[in-house]
């Protein structure tokens, strides 16, 4: 049940933020590699987590999940550049975004999602499994940070894998309104 309610929340957030879809499949291969999600999280653990750090960590993690999809099946990767904030509790928020991976026609999505599940389970990360309302296989990856989770499932259109995300919880600086795009 937790995966379904999380999925519905992240789905709603994803639909709201679809206007900012952008991907860069032609990135410069000579460019230095982007930091990993673990590196970003480690850097921010010494200080209080900002919304910018939470967003950066979450987007890197979306990219790491997308990188587990077989490259020969991937046609495009579109990551939302903006997201919205959801409430964790009375004082904290979570940044919510998404990445959509379009795969070649005829690609079986369930085995890919199961391989991503196996990868995270092998690394000791908590993963729950469910079926969505259309009976598609979906997983929820729950790293140890409070509020952080990633829902991997069939996309909104055929031949898509959607990675909906929620960052670790953080406090906004005083005077920052939590509505709008972040």
C-alpha atoms as a PDB file:
ATOM      1  CA  UNK A   1       0.000   0.000   0.000  1.00  0.00           C
ATOM      2  CA  UNK A   2       2.892   2.361   0.804  1.00  0.00           C
ATOM      3  CA  UNK A   3       4.283   1.968  -2.712  1.00  0.00           C
ATOM      4  CA  UNK A   4       0.884   2.735  -4.272  1.00  0.00           C
ATOM      5  CA  UNK A   5       0.316   5.913  -2.249  1.00  0.00           C
ATOM      6  CA  UNK A   6       3.887   7.002  -2.922  1.00  0.00           C
ATOM      7  CA  UNK A   7       3.422   6.242  -6.601  1.00  0.00           C
ATOM      8  CA  UNK A   8       0.212   8.257  -6.816  1.00  0.00           C
ATOM      9  CA  UNK A   9       1.840  11.252  -5.095  1.00  0.00           C
ATOM     10  CA  UNK A  10       4.905  11.113  -7.313  1.00  0.00           C
ATOM     11  CA  UNK A  11       2.759  10.568 -10.403  1.00  0.00           C
ATOM     12  CA  UNK A  12       0.750  13.691  -9.598  1.00  0.00           C
ATOM     13  CA  UNK A  13       3.929  15.684  -9.049  1.00  0.00           C
ATOM     14  CA  UNK A  14       5.374  14.339 -12.297  1.00  0.00           C
ATOM     15  CA  UNK A  15       2.287  15.373 -14.249  1.00  0.00           C
ATOM     16  CA  UNK A  16       2.466  18.871 -12.792  1.00  0.00           C
ATOM     17  CA  UNK A  17       6.118  19.221 -13.719  1.00  0.00           C
ATOM     18  CA  UNK A  18       6.067  17.716 -17.227  1.00  0.00           C
ATOM     19  CA  UNK A  19       6.621  21.123 -18.815  1.00  0.00           C
ATOM     20  CA  UNK A  20      10.297  21.104 -17.857  1.00  0.00           C
ATOM     21  CA  UNK A  21      11.307  17.855 -19.630  1.00  0.00           C
ATOM     22  CA  UNK A  22      14.817  17.960 -21.070  1.00  0.00           C
ATOM     23  CA  UNK A  23      17.485  15.405 -21.711  1.00  0.00           C
ATOM     24  CA  UNK A  24      20.999  15.455 -23.053  1.00  0.00           C
ATOM     25  CA  UNK A  25      21.700  12.197 -24.886  1.00  0.00           C
ATOM     26  CA  UNK A  26      24.521  13.935 -26.804  1.00  0.00           C
ATOM     27  CA  UNK A  27      26.556  14.987 -23.770  1.00  0.00           C
ATOM     28  CA  UNK A  28      30.289  15.491 -24.319  1.00  0.00           C
ATOM     29  CA  UNK A  29      31.958  12.146 -23.495  1.00  0.00           C
ATOM     30  CA  UNK A  30      35.204  14.031 -22.726  1.00  0.00           C
ATOM     31  CA  UNK A  31      33.528  16.057 -19.968  1.00  0.00           C
ATOM     32  CA  UNK A  32      34.463  15.110 -16.403  1.00  0.00           C
ATOM     33  CA  UNK A  33      32.018  12.626 -14.873  1.00  0.00           C
ATOM     34  CA  UNK A  34      29.206  14.036 -12.779  1.00  0.00           C
ATOM     35  CA  UNK A  35      29.417  13.324  -9.049  1.00  0.00           C
ATOM     36  CA  UNK A  36      27.567  10.242  -7.874  1.00  0.00           C
ATOM     37  CA  UNK A  37      24.516  10.447  -5.632  1.00  0.00           C
ATOM     38  CA  UNK A  38      26.586   9.029  -2.754  1.00  0.00           C
ATOM     39  CA  UNK A  39      29.249  11.739  -3.206  1.00  0.00           C
ATOM     40  CA  UNK A  40      26.668  14.534  -3.158  1.00  0.00           C
ATOM     41  CA  UNK A  41      24.968  13.078  -0.089  1.00  0.00           C
ATOM     42  CA  UNK A  42      28.323  12.631   1.691  1.00  0.00           C
ATOM     43  CA  UNK A  43      29.335  16.238   0.950  1.00  0.00           C
ATOM     44  CA  UNK A  44      26.089  17.579   2.385  1.00  0.00           C
ATOM     45  CA  UNK A  45      26.057  15.396   5.513  1.00  0.00           C
ATOM     46  CA  UNK A  46      28.470  17.721   7.334  1.00  0.00           C
ATOM     47  CA  UNK A  47      26.050  20.635   7.041  1.00  0.00           C
ATOM     48  CA  UNK A  48      22.296  20.898   7.088  1.00  0.00           C
ATOM     49  CA  UNK A  49      20.859  19.665   3.791  1.00  0.00           C
ATOM     50  CA  UNK A  50      19.655  22.468   1.486  1.00  0.00           C
ATOM     51  CA  UNK A  51      16.922  22.050  -1.094  1.00  0.00           C
ATOM     52  CA  UNK A  52      19.531  22.538  -3.825  1.00  0.00           C
ATOM     53  CA  UNK A  53      21.678  19.697  -2.438  1.00  0.00           C
ATOM     54  CA  UNK A  54      18.626  17.468  -2.001  1.00  0.00           C
ATOM     55  CA  UNK A  55      17.561  18.140  -5.600  1.00  0.00           C
ATOM     56  CA  UNK A  56      21.086  17.551  -6.973  1.00  0.00           C
ATOM     57  CA  UNK A  57      21.458  14.270  -5.079  1.00  0.00           C
ATOM     58  CA  UNK A  58      18.036  13.065  -6.224  1.00  0.00           C
ATOM     59  CA  UNK A  59      18.658  13.932  -9.873  1.00  0.00           C
ATOM     60  CA  UNK A  60      22.029  12.164  -9.821  1.00  0.00           C
ATOM     61  CA  UNK A  61      20.360   9.097  -8.317  1.00  0.00           C
ATOM     62  CA  UNK A  62      17.695   9.187 -11.074  1.00  0.00           C
ATOM     63  CA  UNK A  63      20.575   9.197 -13.566  1.00  0.00           C
ATOM     64  CA  UNK A  64      22.254   6.253 -11.835  1.00  0.00           C
ATOM     65  CA  UNK A  65      19.025   4.269 -12.043  1.00  0.00           C
ATOM     66  CA  UNK A  66      18.568   5.207 -15.722  1.00  0.00           C
ATOM     67  CA  UNK A  67      22.150   4.078 -16.415  1.00  0.00           C
ATOM     68  CA  UNK A  68      21.131   0.543 -15.365  1.00  0.00           C
ATOM     69  CA  UNK A  69      18.793   0.275 -18.366  1.00  0.00           C
ATOM     70  CA  UNK A  70      20.519  -1.531 -21.258  1.00  0.00           C
ATOM     71  CA  UNK A  71      22.017   1.158 -23.497  1.00  0.00           C
ATOM     72  CA  UNK A  72      20.995  -0.620 -26.700  1.00  0.00           C
ATOM     73  CA  UNK A  73      17.333  -0.257 -25.661  1.00  0.00           C
ATOM     74  CA  UNK A  74      17.488   3.438 -24.717  1.00  0.00           C
ATOM     75  CA  UNK A  75      16.230   5.983 -27.253  1.00  0.00           C
ATOM     76  CA  UNK A  76      16.188   9.015 -24.952  1.00  0.00           C
ATOM     77  CA  UNK A  77      16.468  10.075 -21.332  1.00  0.00           C
ATOM     78  CA  UNK A  78      14.411  13.082 -20.267  1.00  0.00           C
ATOM     79  CA  UNK A  79      14.964  14.441 -16.774  1.00  0.00           C
ATOM     80  CA  UNK A  80      12.731  17.146 -15.362  1.00  0.00           C
ATOM     81  CA  UNK A  81      14.873  20.185 -14.626  1.00  0.00           C
ATOM     82  CA  UNK A  82      12.422  21.521 -12.072  1.00  0.00           C
ATOM     83  CA  UNK A  83      10.305  19.770  -9.501  1.00  0.00           C
ATOM     84  CA  UNK A  84       8.019  20.614  -6.643  1.00  0.00           C
ATOM     85  CA  UNK A  85       8.235  20.363  -2.898  1.00  0.00           C
ATOM     86  CA  UNK A  86       6.152  17.919  -0.899  1.00  0.00           C
ATOM     87  CA  UNK A  87       5.705  18.095   2.838  1.00  0.00           C
ATOM     88  CA  UNK A  88       7.572  15.534   4.957  1.00  0.00           C
ATOM     89  CA  UNK A  89       6.170  16.922   8.206  1.00  0.00           C
ATOM     90  CA  UNK A  90       5.339  20.305   9.750  1.00  0.00           C
ATOM     91  CA  UNK A  91       8.851  21.695   9.241  1.00  0.00           C
ATOM     92  CA  UNK A  92      10.494  19.675   6.467  1.00  0.00           C
ATOM     93  CA  UNK A  93      10.006  19.175   2.745  1.00  0.00           C
ATOM     94  CA  UNK A  94      11.095  16.740   0.058  1.00  0.00           C
ATOM     95  CA  UNK A  95      12.002  17.696  -3.528  1.00  0.00           C
ATOM     96  CA  UNK A  96      10.018  15.613  -6.059  1.00  0.00           C
ATOM     97  CA  UNK A  97      11.008  15.119  -9.686  1.00  0.00           C
ATOM     98  CA  UNK A  98      11.214  12.461 -12.362  1.00  0.00           C
ATOM     99  CA  UNK A  99      13.166  11.037 -15.267  1.00  0.00           C
ATOM    100  CA  UNK A 100      11.541   9.277 -18.212  1.00  0.00           C
ATOM    101  CA  UNK A 101      13.532   6.809 -20.288  1.00  0.00           C
ATOM    102  CA  UNK A 102      12.089   6.044 -23.718  1.00  0.00           C
ATOM    103  CA  UNK A 103      13.068   2.582 -24.921  1.00  0.00           C
ATOM    104  CA  UNK A 104      12.910   0.935 -28.323  1.00  0.00           C
ATOM    105  CA  UNK A 105       9.587  -0.507 -29.411  1.00  0.00           C
ATOM    106  CA  UNK A 106       9.236  -4.115 -28.327  1.00  0.00           C
ATOM    107  CA  UNK A 107      11.505  -3.722 -25.288  1.00  0.00           C
ATOM    108  CA  UNK A 108      10.214  -5.772 -22.366  1.00  0.00           C
ATOM    109  CA  UNK A 109      10.096  -3.350 -19.445  1.00  0.00           C
ATOM    110  CA  UNK A 110       9.363  -5.756 -16.574  1.00  0.00           C
ATOM    111  CA  UNK A 111      12.706  -7.652 -16.859  1.00  0.00           C
ATOM    112  CA  UNK A 112      14.547  -4.299 -16.855  1.00  0.00           C
ATOM    113  CA  UNK A 113      12.720  -3.145 -13.718  1.00  0.00           C
ATOM    114  CA  UNK A 114      13.452  -6.524 -12.088  1.00  0.00           C
ATOM    115  CA  UNK A 115      17.172  -6.153 -12.942  1.00  0.00           C
ATOM    116  CA  UNK A 116      17.193  -2.693 -11.312  1.00  0.00           C
ATOM    117  CA  UNK A 117      15.487  -4.238  -8.281  1.00  0.00           C
ATOM    118  CA  UNK A 118      18.157  -6.977  -8.089  1.00  0.00           C
ATOM    119  CA  UNK A 119      20.948  -4.387  -8.361  1.00  0.00           C
ATOM    120  CA  UNK A 120      19.687  -2.370  -5.383  1.00  0.00           C
ATOM    121  CA  UNK A 121      18.846  -5.423  -3.289  1.00  0.00           C
ATOM    122  CA  UNK A 122      22.396  -6.736  -3.891  1.00  0.00           C
ATOM    123  CA  UNK A 123      23.704  -3.413  -2.554  1.00  0.00           C
ATOM    124  CA  UNK A 124      21.632  -3.767   0.627  1.00  0.00           C
ATOM    125  CA  UNK A 125      19.098  -1.070  -0.240  1.00  0.00           C
ATOM    126  CA  UNK A 126      15.494  -1.584   0.808  1.00  0.00           C
ATOM    127  CA  UNK A 127      13.291  -2.291  -2.215  1.00  0.00           C
ATOM    128  CA  UNK A 128       9.577  -3.014  -2.217  1.00  0.00           C
ATOM    129  CA  UNK A 129       7.643  -4.528  -5.108  1.00  0.00           C
ATOM    130  CA  UNK A 130       4.089  -3.925  -6.221  1.00  0.00           C
ATOM    131  CA  UNK A 131       1.853  -3.881  -9.287  1.00  0.00           C
ATOM    132  CA  UNK A 132       0.276  -0.636 -10.449  1.00  0.00           C
ATOM    133  CA  UNK A 133      -3.407  -0.272 -11.360  1.00  0.00           C
ATOM    134  CA  UNK A 134      -2.614  -1.667 -14.841  1.00  0.00           C
ATOM    135  CA  UNK A 135      -0.809  -4.658 -13.248  1.00  0.00           C
ATOM    136  CA  UNK A 136       2.614  -3.404 -14.390  1.00  0.00           C
ATOM    137  CA  UNK A 137       5.552  -4.422 -12.210  1.00  0.00           C
ATOM    138  CA  UNK A 138       6.949  -1.523 -10.175  1.00  0.00           C
ATOM    139  CA  UNK A 139       9.569  -1.127  -7.501  1.00  0.00           C
ATOM    140  CA  UNK A 140      10.165   1.455  -4.813  1.00  0.00           C
ATOM    141  CA  UNK A 141      13.785   1.992  -3.805  1.00  0.00           C
ATOM    142  CA  UNK A 142      14.096   3.406  -0.288  1.00  0.00           C
ATOM    143  CA  UNK A 143      17.595   4.592   0.669  1.00  0.00           C
ATOM    144  CA  UNK A 144      18.085   5.184   4.398  1.00  0.00           C
ATOM    145  CA  UNK A 145      17.622   8.989   4.275  1.00  0.00           C
ATOM    146  CA  UNK A 146      14.195   9.977   5.667  1.00  0.00           C
ATOM    147  CA  UNK A 147      11.788  10.789   2.847  1.00  0.00           C
ATOM    148  CA  UNK A 148      14.078   9.690   0.009  1.00  0.00           C
ATOM    149  CA  UNK A 149      12.572   7.191  -2.439  1.00  0.00           C
ATOM    150  CA  UNK A 150      12.504   6.269  -6.121  1.00  0.00           C
ATOM    151  CA  UNK A 151       9.626   4.580  -7.898  1.00  0.00           C
ATOM    152  CA  UNK A 152      10.591   2.722 -11.088  1.00  0.00           C
ATOM    153  CA  UNK A 153       7.812   1.486 -13.369  1.00  0.00           C
ATOM    154  CA  UNK A 154       6.243   1.622 -16.816  1.00  0.00           C
ATOM    155  CA  UNK A 155       5.885   5.209 -17.999  1.00  0.00           C
ATOM    156  CA  UNK A 156       2.781   7.150 -18.866  1.00  0.00           C
ATOM    157  CA  UNK A 157       3.151   6.191 -22.546  1.00  0.00           C
ATOM    158  CA  UNK A 158       4.145   2.895 -24.182  1.00  0.00           C
ATOM    159  CA  UNK A 159       7.881   2.181 -24.376  1.00  0.00           C
ATOM    160  CA  UNK A 160       8.726   4.314 -21.349  1.00  0.00           C
ATOM    161  CA  UNK A 161      10.301   3.613 -17.996  1.00  0.00           C
ATOM    162  CA  UNK A 162       9.545   6.278 -15.412  1.00  0.00           C
ATOM    163  CA  UNK A 163      11.758   7.029 -12.446  1.00  0.00           C
ATOM    164  CA  UNK A 164       9.743   9.189 -10.045  1.00  0.00           C
ATOM    165  CA  UNK A 165      11.737  10.536  -7.139  1.00  0.00           C
ATOM    166  CA  UNK A 166      11.514  12.147  -3.746  1.00  0.00           C
ATOM    167  CA  UNK A 167      14.559  13.583  -1.991  1.00  0.00           C
ATOM    168  CA  UNK A 168      15.636  13.281   1.597  1.00  0.00           C
ATOM    169  CA  UNK A 169      13.745  15.657   3.885  1.00  0.00           C
ATOM    170  CA  UNK A 170      15.192  19.127   4.488  1.00  0.00           C
ATOM    171  CA  UNK A 171      14.192  22.449   6.014  1.00  0.00           C
ATOM    172  CA  UNK A 172      13.643  25.482   3.818  1.00  0.00           C
ATOM    173  CA  UNK A 173      15.290  28.714   4.910  1.00  0.00           C
ATOM    174  CA  UNK A 174      12.906  31.106   6.624  1.00  0.00           C
ATOM    175  CA  UNK A 175      10.971  33.230   4.164  1.00  0.00           C
ATOM    176  CA  UNK A 176      11.109  30.736   1.265  1.00  0.00           C
ATOM    177  CA  UNK A 177       7.626  29.832   0.057  1.00  0.00           C
ATOM    178  CA  UNK A 178       7.403  26.063  -0.666  1.00  0.00           C
ATOM    179  CA  UNK A 179       5.029  26.449  -3.641  1.00  0.00           C
ATOM    180  CA  UNK A 180       5.993  26.660  -7.294  1.00  0.00           C
ATOM    181  CA  UNK A 181       8.910  25.109  -9.123  1.00  0.00           C
ATOM    182  CA  UNK A 182      12.230  24.226  -7.506  1.00  0.00           C
END
